[in-house]
PDB file of N, CA and C in Angstrom:
ATOM      1  N   UNK A   1      -1.495 -10.254   8.384  1.00  0.00           N
ATOM      2  CA  UNK A   1      -2.324  -9.325   9.008  1.00  0.00           C
ATOM      3  C   UNK A   1      -3.166  -9.127   7.741  1.00  0.00           C
ATOM      4  N   UNK A   2      -4.305  -9.484   8.089  1.00  0.00           N
ATOM      5  CA  UNK A   2      -5.311  -9.274   6.963  1.00  0.00           C
ATOM      6  C   UNK A   2      -6.625  -8.229   7.493  1.00  0.00           C
ATOM      7  N   UNK A   3      -6.740  -7.255   6.777  1.00  0.00           N
ATOM      8  CA  UNK A   3      -7.683  -6.138   7.226  1.00  0.00           C
ATOM      9  C   UNK A   3      -8.743  -6.273   6.106  1.00  0.00           C
ATOM     10  N   UNK A   4      -9.832  -7.302   6.096  1.00  0.00           N
ATOM     11  CA  UNK A   4     -10.809  -7.255   5.037  1.00  0.00           C
ATOM     12  C   UNK A   4     -12.364  -6.644   5.270  1.00  0.00           C
ATOM     13  N   UNK A   5     -12.549  -6.355   6.398  1.00  0.00           N
ATOM     14  CA  UNK A   5     -13.635  -5.674   6.925  1.00  0.00           C
ATOM     15  C   UNK A   5     -13.569  -4.149   6.623  1.00  0.00           C
ATOM     16  N   UNK A   6     -14.506  -3.691   6.551  1.00  0.00           N
ATOM     17  CA  UNK A   6     -14.638  -2.145   6.456  1.00  0.00           C
ATOM     18  C   UNK A   6     -13.975  -1.535   7.580  1.00  0.00           C
ATOM     19  N   UNK A   7     -13.045  -0.483   7.361  1.00  0.00           N
ATOM     20  CA  UNK A   7     -12.395   0.128   8.409  1.00  0.00           C
ATOM     21  C   UNK A   7     -11.965  -1.095   9.571  1.00  0.00           C
ATOM     22  N   UNK A   8     -11.395  -1.951   8.963  1.00  0.00           N
ATOM     23  CA  UNK A   8     -11.086  -3.103  10.044  1.00  0.00           C
ATOM     24  C   UNK A   8      -9.706  -2.670  10.776  1.00  0.00           C
ATOM     25  N   UNK A   9      -8.870  -2.066   9.898  1.00  0.00           N
ATOM     26  CA  UNK A   9      -7.532  -1.666  10.582  1.00  0.00           C
ATOM     27  C   UNK A   9      -7.341  -0.024  10.688  1.00  0.00           C
ATOM     28  N   UNK A  10      -8.355   0.554  10.506  1.00  0.00           N
ATOM     29  CA  UNK A  10      -8.599   2.052  10.505  1.00  0.00           C
ATOM     30  C   UNK A  10      -7.403   2.563  11.566  1.00  0.00           C
ATOM     31  N   UNK A  11      -6.799   3.437  11.146  1.00  0.00           N
ATOM     32  CA  UNK A  11      -5.535   4.436  12.126  1.00  0.00           C
ATOM     33  C   UNK A  11      -4.643   3.090  13.010  1.00  0.00           C
ATOM     34  N   UNK A  12      -4.509   1.935  12.198  1.00  0.00           N
ATOM     35  CA  UNK A  12      -3.295   1.051  13.083  1.00  0.00           C
ATOM     36  C   UNK A  12      -2.036   1.452  12.728  1.00  0.00           C
ATOM     37  N   UNK A  13      -1.206   0.737  13.369  1.00  0.00           N
ATOM     38  CA  UNK A  13       0.185   0.368  13.273  1.00  0.00           C
ATOM     39  C   UNK A  13       0.470  -0.722  13.212  1.00  0.00           C
ATOM     40  N   UNK A  14       0.805  -1.419  12.067  1.00  0.00           N
ATOM     41  CA  UNK A  14       1.094  -2.536  11.891  1.00  0.00           C
ATOM     42  C   UNK A  14       2.634  -3.043  11.188  1.00  0.00           C
ATOM     43  N   UNK A  15       3.348  -3.626  11.937  1.00  0.00           N
ATOM     44  CA  UNK A  15       4.922  -4.219  11.728  1.00  0.00           C
ATOM     45  C   UNK A  15       4.638  -5.768  11.559  1.00  0.00           C
ATOM     46  N   UNK A  16       5.212  -6.010  10.352  1.00  0.00           N
ATOM     47  CA  UNK A  16       5.391  -7.313  10.314  1.00  0.00           C
ATOM     48  C   UNK A  16       6.886  -7.841   9.667  1.00  0.00           C
ATOM     49  N   UNK A  17       7.400  -9.110   9.793  1.00  0.00           N
ATOM     50  CA  UNK A  17       8.718  -9.365   9.627  1.00  0.00           C
ATOM     51  C   UNK A  17       8.650 -10.764   8.800  1.00  0.00           C
ATOM     52  N   UNK A  18       9.060 -10.809   7.919  1.00  0.00           N
ATOM     53  CA  UNK A  18       8.852 -11.902   6.783  1.00  0.00           C
ATOM     54  C   UNK A  18      10.043 -12.978   6.835  1.00  0.00           C
ATOM     55  N   UNK A  19      10.954 -13.330   7.936  1.00  0.00           N
ATOM     56  CA  UNK A  19      12.077 -13.931   8.239  1.00  0.00           C
ATOM     57  C   UNK A  19      11.900 -15.338   7.731  1.00  0.00           C
ATOM     58  N   UNK A  20      10.911 -15.917   8.265  1.00  0.00           N
ATOM     59  CA  UNK A  20      10.774 -17.212   8.263  1.00  0.00           C
ATOM     60  C   UNK A  20       9.396 -17.691   7.616  1.00  0.00           C
ATOM     61  N   UNK A  21       8.339 -16.669   7.164  1.00  0.00           N
ATOM     62  CA  UNK A  21       7.186 -17.131   6.473  1.00  0.00           C
ATOM     63  C   UNK A  21       7.323 -17.246   5.043  1.00  0.00           C
ATOM     64  N   UNK A  22       6.467 -18.297   4.699  1.00  0.00           N
ATOM     65  CA  UNK A  22       6.342 -18.493   3.345  1.00  0.00           C
ATOM     66  C   UNK A  22       5.182 -17.659   2.563  1.00  0.00           C
ATOM     67  N   UNK A  23       4.494 -17.099   3.428  1.00  0.00           N
ATOM     68  CA  UNK A  23       3.403 -16.085   2.608  1.00  0.00           C
ATOM     69  C   UNK A  23       4.210 -14.665   1.610  1.00  0.00           C
ATOM     70  N   UNK A  24       3.340 -14.717   0.520  1.00  0.00           N
ATOM     71  CA  UNK A  24       4.034 -13.590  -0.184  1.00  0.00           C
ATOM     72  C   UNK A  24       3.673 -12.437   0.435  1.00  0.00           C
ATOM     73  N   UNK A  25       2.080 -11.935   0.595  1.00  0.00           N
ATOM     74  CA  UNK A  25       1.912 -10.769   1.004  1.00  0.00           C
ATOM     75  C   UNK A  25       1.702 -11.146   2.919  1.00  0.00           C
ATOM     76  N   UNK A  26       2.279 -10.033   3.492  1.00  0.00           N
ATOM     77  CA  UNK A  26       2.158 -10.152   5.058  1.00  0.00           C
ATOM     78  C   UNK A  26       1.060  -8.868   5.372  1.00  0.00           C
ATOM     79  N   UNK A  27       0.716  -8.025   4.773  1.00  0.00           N
ATOM     80  CA  UNK A  27      -0.104  -7.349   5.192  1.00  0.00           C
ATOM     81  C   UNK A  27      -1.206  -7.080   3.930  1.00  0.00           C
ATOM     82  N   UNK A  28      -2.440  -7.586   3.942  1.00  0.00           N
ATOM     83  CA  UNK A  28      -3.449  -7.189   2.925  1.00  0.00           C
ATOM     84  C   UNK A  28      -4.482  -6.545   3.654  1.00  0.00           C
ATOM     85  N   UNK A  29      -4.846  -5.202   2.631  1.00  0.00           N
ATOM     86  CA  UNK A  29      -5.986  -4.301   2.925  1.00  0.00           C
ATOM     87  C   UNK A  29      -6.710  -4.191   2.067  1.00  0.00           C
ATOM     88  N   UNK A  30      -7.851  -5.524   1.930  1.00  0.00           N
ATOM     89  CA  UNK A  30      -8.761  -5.569   0.762  1.00  0.00           C
ATOM     90  C   UNK A  30     -10.168  -5.032   1.380  1.00  0.00           C
ATOM     91  N   UNK A  31     -10.461  -4.536   2.568  1.00  0.00           N
ATOM     92  CA  UNK A  31     -11.663  -4.049   2.941  1.00  0.00           C
ATOM     93  C   UNK A  31     -11.756  -2.571   2.563  1.00  0.00           C
ATOM     94  N   UNK A  32     -12.881  -2.161   2.143  1.00  0.00           N
ATOM     95  CA  UNK A  32     -13.278  -0.656   2.250  1.00  0.00           C
ATOM     96  C   UNK A  32     -12.531   0.005   3.533  1.00  0.00           C
ATOM     97  N   UNK A  33     -11.865   1.052   2.968  1.00  0.00           N
ATOM     98  CA  UNK A  33     -10.916   1.664   4.168  1.00  0.00           C
ATOM     99  C   UNK A  33     -10.329   0.794   5.088  1.00  0.00           C
ATOM    100  N   UNK A  34     -10.020  -0.146   4.710  1.00  0.00           N
ATOM    101  CA  UNK A  34      -9.570  -1.292   5.377  1.00  0.00           C
ATOM    102  C   UNK A  34      -8.224  -0.870   5.907  1.00  0.00           C
ATOM    103  N   UNK A  35      -7.200  -0.184   5.599  1.00  0.00           N
ATOM    104  CA  UNK A  35      -6.041   0.232   6.556  1.00  0.00           C
ATOM    105  C   UNK A  35      -5.713   1.750   6.235  1.00  0.00           C
ATOM    106  N   UNK A  36      -6.824   2.341   6.149  1.00  0.00           N
ATOM    107  CA  UNK A  36      -6.945   4.000   5.712  1.00  0.00           C
ATOM    108  C   UNK A  36      -6.507   4.529   7.036  1.00  0.00           C
ATOM    109  N   UNK A  37      -5.360   5.485   6.789  1.00  0.00           N
ATOM    110  CA  UNK A  37      -4.880   6.428   7.852  1.00  0.00           C
ATOM    111  C   UNK A  37      -4.084   5.610   8.859  1.00  0.00           C
ATOM    112  N   UNK A  38      -3.168   4.496   8.027  1.00  0.00           N
ATOM    113  CA  UNK A  38      -2.462   3.755   9.049  1.00  0.00           C
ATOM    114  C   UNK A  38      -1.170   3.923   8.859  1.00  0.00           C
ATOM    115  N   UNK A  39      -0.057   3.343   9.683  1.00  0.00           N
ATOM    116  CA  UNK A  39       1.189   3.271   9.356  1.00  0.00           C
ATOM    117  C   UNK A  39       1.508   1.871   9.200  1.00  0.00           C
ATOM    118  N   UNK A  40       1.912   1.440   8.116  1.00  0.00           N
ATOM    119  CA  UNK A  40       2.300  -0.109   7.888  1.00  0.00           C
ATOM    120  C   UNK A  40       3.732  -0.245   7.230  1.00  0.00           C
ATOM    121  N   UNK A  41       4.299  -1.661   8.092  1.00  0.00           N
ATOM    122  CA  UNK A  41       5.496  -1.873   7.752  1.00  0.00           C
ATOM    123  C   UNK A  41       5.539  -3.108   7.400  1.00  0.00           C
ATOM    124  N   UNK A  42       6.002  -3.554   6.484  1.00  0.00           N
ATOM    125  CA  UNK A  42       5.888  -5.234   6.163  1.00  0.00           C
ATOM    126  C   UNK A  42       7.381  -5.180   5.906  1.00  0.00           C
ATOM    127  N   UNK A  43       8.303  -5.462   6.643  1.00  0.00           N
ATOM    128  CA  UNK A  43       9.458  -5.931   6.368  1.00  0.00           C
ATOM    129  C   UNK A  43      10.184  -7.265   5.798  1.00  0.00           C
ATOM    130  N   UNK A  44      10.956  -7.134   4.717  1.00  0.00           N
ATOM    131  CA  UNK A  44      11.052  -8.295   3.794  1.00  0.00           C
ATOM    132  C   UNK A  44       9.870  -9.118   3.419  1.00  0.00           C
ATOM    133  N   UNK A  45       8.869  -8.192   3.032  1.00  0.00           N
ATOM    134  CA  UNK A  45       7.680  -8.817   2.766  1.00  0.00           C
ATOM    135  C   UNK A  45       7.026  -7.693   1.796  1.00  0.00           C
ATOM    136  N   UNK A  46       5.667  -7.865   1.385  1.00  0.00           N
ATOM    137  CA  UNK A  46       4.970  -7.011   0.445  1.00  0.00           C
ATOM    138  C   UNK A  46       3.343  -6.531   1.370  1.00  0.00           C
ATOM    139  N   UNK A  47       3.035  -5.610   0.924  1.00  0.00           N
ATOM    140  CA  UNK A  47       1.753  -5.057   1.319  1.00  0.00           C
ATOM    141  C   UNK A  47       0.854  -5.050  -0.060  1.00  0.00           C
ATOM    142  N   UNK A  48      -0.164  -5.214   0.233  1.00  0.00           N
ATOM    143  CA  UNK A  48      -1.483  -5.443  -0.778  1.00  0.00           C
ATOM    144  C   UNK A  48      -2.512  -4.458  -0.197  1.00  0.00           C
ATOM    145  N   UNK A  49      -2.817  -3.481  -1.298  1.00  0.00           N
ATOM    146  CA  UNK A  49      -3.957  -2.612  -1.009  1.00  0.00           C
ATOM    147  C   UNK A  49      -4.834  -2.347  -1.918  1.00  0.00           C
ATOM    148  N   UNK A  50      -5.649  -3.741  -1.945  1.00  0.00           N
ATOM    149  CA  UNK A  50      -6.589  -3.878  -3.004  1.00  0.00           C
ATOM    150  C   UNK A  50      -8.023  -3.593  -2.685  1.00  0.00           C
ATOM    151  N   UNK A  51      -8.259  -2.953  -1.391  1.00  0.00           N
ATOM    152  CA  UNK A  51      -9.827  -2.747  -1.284  1.00  0.00           C
ATOM    153  C   UNK A  51      -9.828  -1.041  -1.690  1.00  0.00           C
ATOM    154  N   UNK A  52     -10.918  -0.978  -1.756  1.00  0.00           N
ATOM    155  CA  UNK A  52     -11.311   0.458  -2.134  1.00  0.00           C
ATOM    156  C   UNK A  52     -11.062   1.417  -1.201  1.00  0.00           C
ATOM    157  N   UNK A  53      -9.995   2.373  -1.406  1.00  0.00           N
ATOM    158  CA  UNK A  53      -9.409   3.354  -0.297  1.00  0.00           C
ATOM    159  C   UNK A  53      -8.716   2.553   0.559  1.00  0.00           C
ATOM    160  N   UNK A  54      -8.282   1.098   0.243  1.00  0.00           N
ATOM    161  CA  UNK A  54      -7.724   0.233   1.244  1.00  0.00           C
ATOM    162  C   UNK A  54      -6.580   0.713   2.134  1.00  0.00           C
ATOM    163  N   UNK A  55      -5.660   1.712   1.795  1.00  0.00           N
ATOM    164  CA  UNK A  55      -4.467   2.048   2.201  1.00  0.00           C
ATOM    165  C   UNK A  55      -4.566   3.742   2.174  1.00  0.00           C
ATOM    166  N   UNK A  56      -5.508   4.446   1.482  1.00  0.00           N
ATOM    167  CA  UNK A  56      -5.368   5.988   1.596  1.00  0.00           C
ATOM    168  C   UNK A  56      -5.324   6.444   2.916  1.00  0.00           C
ATOM    169  N   UNK A  57      -4.432   7.814   2.803  1.00  0.00           N
ATOM    170  CA  UNK A  57      -3.883   8.718   3.753  1.00  0.00           C
ATOM    171  C   UNK A  57      -3.064   7.756   4.777  1.00  0.00           C
ATOM    172  N   UNK A  58      -2.221   6.893   4.215  1.00  0.00           N
ATOM    173  CA  UNK A  58      -1.600   5.821   5.068  1.00  0.00           C
ATOM    174  C   UNK A  58      -0.040   5.999   4.589  1.00  0.00           C
ATOM    175  N   UNK A  59       0.788   5.338   5.619  1.00  0.00           N
ATOM    176  CA  UNK A  59       2.336   5.811   5.564  1.00  0.00           C
ATOM    177  C   UNK A  59       2.809   4.108   5.371  1.00  0.00           C
ATOM    178  N   UNK A  60       3.243   3.847   4.325  1.00  0.00           N
ATOM    179  CA  UNK A  60       3.916   2.497   4.004  1.00  0.00           C
ATOM    180  C   UNK A  60       5.566   2.549   3.935  1.00  0.00           C
ATOM    181  N   UNK A  61       5.758   1.513   4.394  1.00  0.00           N
ATOM    182  CA  UNK A  61       7.846   1.997   4.779  1.00  0.00           C
ATOM    183  C   UNK A  61       8.104   0.238   4.959  1.00  0.00           C
ATOM    184  N   UNK A  62       9.558  -0.042   4.551  1.00  0.00           N
ATOM    185  CA  UNK A  62      10.035  -0.738   4.905  1.00  0.00           C
ATOM    186  C   UNK A  62       9.509  -2.247   3.928  1.00  0.00           C
ATOM    187  N   UNK A  63       8.844  -2.133   2.780  1.00  0.00           N
ATOM    188  CA  UNK A  63       8.188  -3.049   2.157  1.00  0.00           C
ATOM    189  C   UNK A  63       9.563  -3.358   1.234  1.00  0.00           C
ATOM    190  N   UNK A  64      10.316  -4.356   1.509  1.00  0.00           N
ATOM    191  CA  UNK A  64      11.171  -4.264   0.589  1.00  0.00           C
ATOM    192  C   UNK A  64      10.959  -5.108  -0.749  1.00  0.00           C
ATOM    193  N   UNK A  65      10.294  -5.955  -0.745  1.00  0.00           N
ATOM    194  CA  UNK A  65       9.591  -6.958  -2.073  1.00  0.00           C
ATOM    195  C   UNK A  65       8.838  -5.893  -3.008  1.00  0.00           C
ATOM    196  N   UNK A  66       7.680  -5.544  -2.523  1.00  0.00           N
ATOM    197  CA  UNK A  66       6.775  -4.568  -3.373  1.00  0.00           C
ATOM    198  C   UNK A  66       5.494  -4.244  -2.602  1.00  0.00           C
ATOM    199  N   UNK A  67       4.684  -3.133  -3.105  1.00  0.00           N
ATOM    200  CA  UNK A  67       3.534  -2.546  -2.784  1.00  0.00           C
ATOM    201  C   UNK A  67       2.621  -2.590  -3.760  1.00  0.00           C
ATOM    202  N   UNK A  68       1.437  -3.186  -3.855  1.00  0.00           N
ATOM    203  CA  UNK A  68       0.534  -3.310  -4.886  1.00  0.00           C
ATOM    204  C   UNK A  68      -0.815  -2.364  -4.577  1.00  0.00           C
ATOM    205  N   UNK A  69      -1.100  -1.203  -4.935  1.00  0.00           N
ATOM    206  CA  UNK A  69      -2.141  -0.182  -4.880  1.00  0.00           C
ATOM    207  C   UNK A  69      -3.119  -0.643  -5.891  1.00  0.00           C
ATOM    208  N   UNK A  70      -3.981  -1.723  -5.595  1.00  0.00           N
ATOM    209  CA  UNK A  70      -4.693  -2.150  -6.602  1.00  0.00           C
ATOM    210  C   UNK A  70      -6.354  -1.524  -6.735  1.00  0.00           C
ATOM    211  N   UNK A  71      -6.618  -1.068  -5.688  1.00  0.00           N
ATOM    212  CA  UNK A  71      -7.826  -0.843  -5.383  1.00  0.00           C
ATOM    213  C   UNK A  71      -8.317   0.778  -5.879  1.00  0.00           C
ATOM    214  N   UNK A  72      -9.489   0.773  -5.702  1.00  0.00           N
ATOM    215  CA  UNK A  72      -9.868   2.342  -6.196  1.00  0.00           C
ATOM    216  C   UNK A  72      -9.404   3.258  -5.162  1.00  0.00           C
ATOM    217  N   UNK A  73      -8.547   4.290  -5.789  1.00  0.00           N
ATOM    218  CA  UNK A  73      -7.961   5.169  -4.559  1.00  0.00           C
ATOM    219  C   UNK A  73      -7.258   4.232  -3.149  1.00  0.00           C
ATOM    220  N   UNK A  74      -6.611   3.115  -4.133  1.00  0.00           N
ATOM    221  CA  UNK A  74      -6.107   2.099  -3.083  1.00  0.00           C
ATOM    222  C   UNK A  74      -4.899   2.819  -1.999  1.00  0.00           C
ATOM    223  N   UNK A  75      -4.045   3.833  -2.721  1.00  0.00           N
ATOM    224  CA  UNK A  75      -3.104   4.163  -2.018  1.00  0.00           C
ATOM    225  C   UNK A  75      -3.088   5.976  -1.861  1.00  0.00           C
ATOM    226  N   UNK A  76      -4.589   6.411  -2.189  1.00  0.00           N
ATOM    227  CA  UNK A  76      -4.648   7.849  -2.264  1.00  0.00           C
ATOM    228  C   UNK A  76      -3.824   8.720  -1.306  1.00  0.00           C
ATOM    229  N   UNK A  77      -3.351   9.750  -1.479  1.00  0.00           N
ATOM    230  CA  UNK A  77      -2.533  10.521  -0.553  1.00  0.00           C
ATOM    231  C   UNK A  77      -2.150  10.065   0.399  1.00  0.00           C
ATOM    232  N   UNK A  78      -1.079   9.137   0.188  1.00  0.00           N
ATOM    233  CA  UNK A  78      -0.239   8.337   1.162  1.00  0.00           C
ATOM    234  C   UNK A  78       1.233   8.794   0.885  1.00  0.00           C
ATOM    235  N   UNK A  79       1.879   8.060   1.785  1.00  0.00           N
ATOM    236  CA  UNK A  79       3.356   8.316   1.802  1.00  0.00           C
ATOM    237  C   UNK A  79       3.886   6.853   1.508  1.00  0.00           C
ATOM    238  N   UNK A  80       4.549   6.698   0.328  1.00  0.00           N
ATOM    239  CA  UNK A  80       5.126   5.238   0.243  1.00  0.00           C
ATOM    240  C   UNK A  80       6.650   5.282   0.454  1.00  0.00           C
ATOM    241  N   UNK A  81       7.040   4.986   0.971  1.00  0.00           N
ATOM    242  CA  UNK A  81       8.728   4.770   1.404  1.00  0.00           C
ATOM    243  C   UNK A  81       9.189   3.118   1.197  1.00  0.00           C
ATOM    244  N   UNK A  82       9.254   2.454  -0.120  1.00  0.00           N
ATOM    245  CA  UNK A  82       9.480   1.352  -0.374  1.00  0.00           C
ATOM    246  C   UNK A  82      11.066   0.859  -0.434  1.00  0.00           C
ATOM    247  N   UNK A  83      11.834   1.917  -0.669  1.00  0.00           N
ATOM    248  CA  UNK A  83      13.293   1.695  -0.590  1.00  0.00           C
ATOM    249  C   UNK A  83      13.818   1.039  -1.928  1.00  0.00           C
ATOM    250  N   UNK A  84      14.250  -0.439  -1.980  1.00  0.00           N
ATOM    251  CA  UNK A  84      14.623  -0.768  -3.049  1.00  0.00           C
ATOM    252  C   UNK A  84      13.354  -1.741  -3.773  1.00  0.00           C
ATOM    253  N   UNK A  85      12.458  -1.994  -3.255  1.00  0.00           N
ATOM    254  CA  UNK A  85      11.391  -2.867  -3.926  1.00  0.00           C
ATOM    255  C   UNK A  85      10.402  -1.941  -4.816  1.00  0.00           C
ATOM    256  N   UNK A  86       9.282  -2.478  -5.248  1.00  0.00           N
ATOM    257  CA  UNK A  86       8.519  -1.919  -6.255  1.00  0.00           C
ATOM    258  C   UNK A  86       7.382  -1.618  -5.989  1.00  0.00           C
ATOM    259  N   UNK A  87       6.473  -0.406  -6.444  1.00  0.00           N
ATOM    260  CA  UNK A  87       5.408  -0.344  -6.436  1.00  0.00           C
ATOM    261  C   UNK A  87       4.528  -0.298  -7.891  1.00  0.00           C
ATOM    262  N   UNK A  88       3.461  -0.924  -7.677  1.00  0.00           N
ATOM    263  CA  UNK A  88       2.453  -1.142  -8.501  1.00  0.00           C
ATOM    264  C   UNK A  88       1.227  -0.594  -8.232  1.00  0.00           C
ATOM    265  N   UNK A  89       0.882   0.488  -9.369  1.00  0.00           N
ATOM    266  CA  UNK A  89      -0.519   1.318  -9.124  1.00  0.00           C
ATOM    267  C   UNK A  89      -1.491   0.827 -10.239  1.00  0.00           C
ATOM    268  N   UNK A  90      -2.335  -0.306  -9.891  1.00  0.00           N
ATOM    269  CA  UNK A  90      -3.279  -0.429 -10.856  1.00  0.00           C
ATOM    270  C   UNK A  90      -4.390   0.024 -11.167  1.00  0.00           C
ATOM    271  N   UNK A  91      -4.987   0.288  -9.712  1.00  0.00           N
ATOM    272  CA  UNK A  91      -6.092   0.790  -9.734  1.00  0.00           C
ATOM    273  C   UNK A  91      -6.643   2.305 -10.060  1.00  0.00           C
ATOM    274  N   UNK A  92      -7.694   2.586 -10.449  1.00  0.00           N
ATOM    275  CA  UNK A  92      -7.996   4.177 -10.752  1.00  0.00           C
ATOM    276  C   UNK A  92      -7.734   5.144  -9.678  1.00  0.00           C
ATOM    277  N   UNK A  93      -7.090   5.917  -9.717  1.00  0.00           N
ATOM    278  CA  UNK A  93      -6.526   7.027  -8.816  1.00  0.00           C
ATOM    279  C   UNK A  93      -5.640   6.190  -7.667  1.00  0.00           C
ATOM    280  N   UNK A  94      -4.952   5.271  -8.050  1.00  0.00           N
ATOM    281  CA  UNK A  94      -4.337   4.273  -6.888  1.00  0.00           C
ATOM    282  C   UNK A  94      -3.187   4.968  -6.165  1.00  0.00           C
ATOM    283  N   UNK A  95      -2.697   5.577  -6.842  1.00  0.00           N
ATOM    284  CA  UNK A  95      -1.462   6.574  -6.164  1.00  0.00           C
ATOM    285  C   UNK A  95      -1.388   7.894  -6.395  1.00  0.00           C
ATOM    286  N   UNK A  96      -2.758   8.600  -6.488  1.00  0.00           N
ATOM    287  CA  UNK A  96      -2.738  10.010  -6.900  1.00  0.00           C
ATOM    288  C   UNK A  96      -2.489  10.653  -5.608  1.00  0.00           C
ATOM    289  N   UNK A  97      -2.056  11.784  -6.055  1.00  0.00           N
ATOM    290  CA  UNK A  97      -1.369  12.955  -4.867  1.00  0.00           C
ATOM    291  C   UNK A  97      -0.528  12.192  -3.755  1.00  0.00           C
ATOM    292  N   UNK A  98       0.315  11.258  -4.134  1.00  0.00           N
ATOM    293  CA  UNK A  98       0.898  10.417  -3.271  1.00  0.00           C
ATOM    294  C   UNK A  98       2.293  10.761  -3.122  1.00  0.00           C
ATOM    295  N   UNK A  99       3.280  10.560  -2.238  1.00  0.00           N
ATOM    296  CA  UNK A  99       4.284  11.074  -1.893  1.00  0.00           C
ATOM    297  C   UNK A  99       5.150   9.588  -1.868  1.00  0.00           C
ATOM    298  N   UNK A 100       5.771   9.359  -2.854  1.00  0.00           N
ATOM    299  CA  UNK A 100       6.795   8.125  -3.245  1.00  0.00           C
ATOM    300  C   UNK A 100       8.032   8.167  -3.316  1.00  0.00           C
ATOM    301  N   UNK A 101       8.521   7.627  -2.469  1.00  0.00           N
ATOM    302  CA  UNK A 101      10.146   7.216  -2.490  1.00  0.00           C
ATOM    303  C   UNK A 101      10.442   5.678  -2.625  1.00  0.00           C
ATOM    304  N   UNK A 102      10.812   5.338  -4.122  1.00  0.00           N
ATOM    305  CA  UNK A 102      11.008   4.306  -4.772  1.00  0.00           C
ATOM    306  C   UNK A 102      12.064   4.043  -5.869  1.00  0.00           C
ATOM    307  N   UNK A 103      12.534   3.106  -5.996  1.00  0.00           N
ATOM    308  CA  UNK A 103      13.529   2.857  -7.305  1.00  0.00           C
ATOM    309  C   UNK A 103      12.730   2.603  -8.629  1.00  0.00           C
ATOM    310  N   UNK A 104      11.559   1.613  -8.429  1.00  0.00           N
ATOM    311  CA  UNK A 104      10.521   1.151  -9.684  1.00  0.00           C
ATOM    312  C   UNK A 104       9.283   1.520  -9.160  1.00  0.00           C
ATOM    313  N   UNK A 105       8.725   2.152 -10.032  1.00  0.00           N
ATOM    314  CA  UNK A 105       7.161   2.275  -9.886  1.00  0.00           C
ATOM    315  C   UNK A 105       6.610   1.943 -11.468  1.00  0.00           C
ATOM    316  N   UNK A 106       5.156   1.480 -10.989  1.00  0.00           N
ATOM    317  CA  UNK A 106       4.585   1.035 -12.544  1.00  0.00           C
ATOM    318  C   UNK A 106       3.177   1.427 -11.902  1.00  0.00           C
ATOM    319  N   UNK A 107       2.734   2.676 -13.096  1.00  0.00           N
ATOM    320  CA  UNK A 107       1.178   3.009 -12.804  1.00  0.00           C
ATOM    321  C   UNK A 107       0.534   2.852 -14.230  1.00  0.00           C
ATOM    322  N   UNK A 108      -0.727   1.939 -14.057  1.00  0.00           N
ATOM    323  CA  UNK A 108      -1.302   1.462 -15.295  1.00  0.00           C
ATOM    324  C   UNK A 108      -2.912   1.943 -14.971  1.00  0.00           C
ATOM    325  N   UNK A 109      -3.450   2.128 -13.995  1.00  0.00           N
ATOM    326  CA  UNK A 109      -4.603   2.522 -13.666  1.00  0.00           C
ATOM    327  C   UNK A 109      -5.123   3.936 -14.110  1.00  0.00           C
ATOM    328  N   UNK A 110      -6.412   4.215 -14.436  1.00  0.00           N
ATOM    329  CA  UNK A 110      -6.676   5.672 -14.512  1.00  0.00           C
ATOM    330  C   UNK A 110      -6.250   6.532 -13.859  1.00  0.00           C
ATOM    331  N   UNK A 111      -5.471   7.406 -14.105  1.00  0.00           N
ATOM    332  CA  UNK A 111      -4.896   8.555 -13.081  1.00  0.00           C
ATOM    333  C   UNK A 111      -4.151   7.948 -12.060  1.00  0.00           C
ATOM    334  N   UNK A 112      -3.609   6.878 -12.100  1.00  0.00           N
ATOM    335  CA  UNK A 112      -2.724   6.089 -11.379  1.00  0.00           C
ATOM    336  C   UNK A 112      -2.145   7.063 -10.438  1.00  0.00           C
ATOM    337  N   UNK A 113      -1.074   7.849 -11.164  1.00  0.00           N
ATOM    338  CA  UNK A 113       0.031   8.839 -10.441  1.00  0.00           C
ATOM    339  C   UNK A 113      -0.465  10.452 -10.516  1.00  0.00           C
ATOM    340  N   UNK A 114      -1.548  10.656 -11.183  1.00  0.00           N
ATOM    341  CA  UNK A 114      -2.123  11.840 -10.809  1.00  0.00           C
ATOM    342  C   UNK A 114      -1.579  12.844  -9.686  1.00  0.00           C
ATOM    343  N   UNK A 115      -0.733  13.791 -10.028  1.00  0.00           N
ATOM    344  CA  UNK A 115      -0.505  14.892  -8.775  1.00  0.00           C
ATOM    345  C   UNK A 115       0.476  13.942  -7.865  1.00  0.00           C
ATOM    346  N   UNK A 116       0.930  12.761  -8.049  1.00  0.00           N
ATOM    347  CA  UNK A 116       2.059  12.108  -7.376  1.00  0.00           C
ATOM    348  C   UNK A 116       3.203  12.947  -7.459  1.00  0.00           C
ATOM    349  N   UNK A 117       4.095  13.014  -6.262  1.00  0.00           N
ATOM    350  CA  UNK A 117       5.402  13.371  -6.079  1.00  0.00           C
ATOM    351  C   UNK A 117       6.293  12.029  -6.079  1.00  0.00           C
ATOM    352  N   UNK A 118       7.116  11.891  -7.098  1.00  0.00           N
ATOM    353  CA  UNK A 118       8.043  10.667  -7.115  1.00  0.00           C
ATOM    354  C   UNK A 118       9.492  11.110  -7.069  1.00  0.00           C
TER     355      UNK A 118
END
């Protein structure tokens, strides 16, 4: 699922399962507010939030491989329940004020984990 346009998957409920697909990312939110205010579930796959506010104020769950919050405010003020996977917060404020449930998290962006609950 690719949400590349501005607010293209705004307030969407997106569920994917990567049982037989070779692609690494099953949900890509690279548009401005691409998946903002959405519920995203990429089972056995990964989610990429590289657009500005790409997954802001969203709920990501079941992403067993990893989630990437690379965009400016990429996963800002969201709930991330990744389980045994990993979360990468590379963008500025990418995971700020976010509720995070994961075993491994890496925050490299400016204020990437500012105010987050881990």
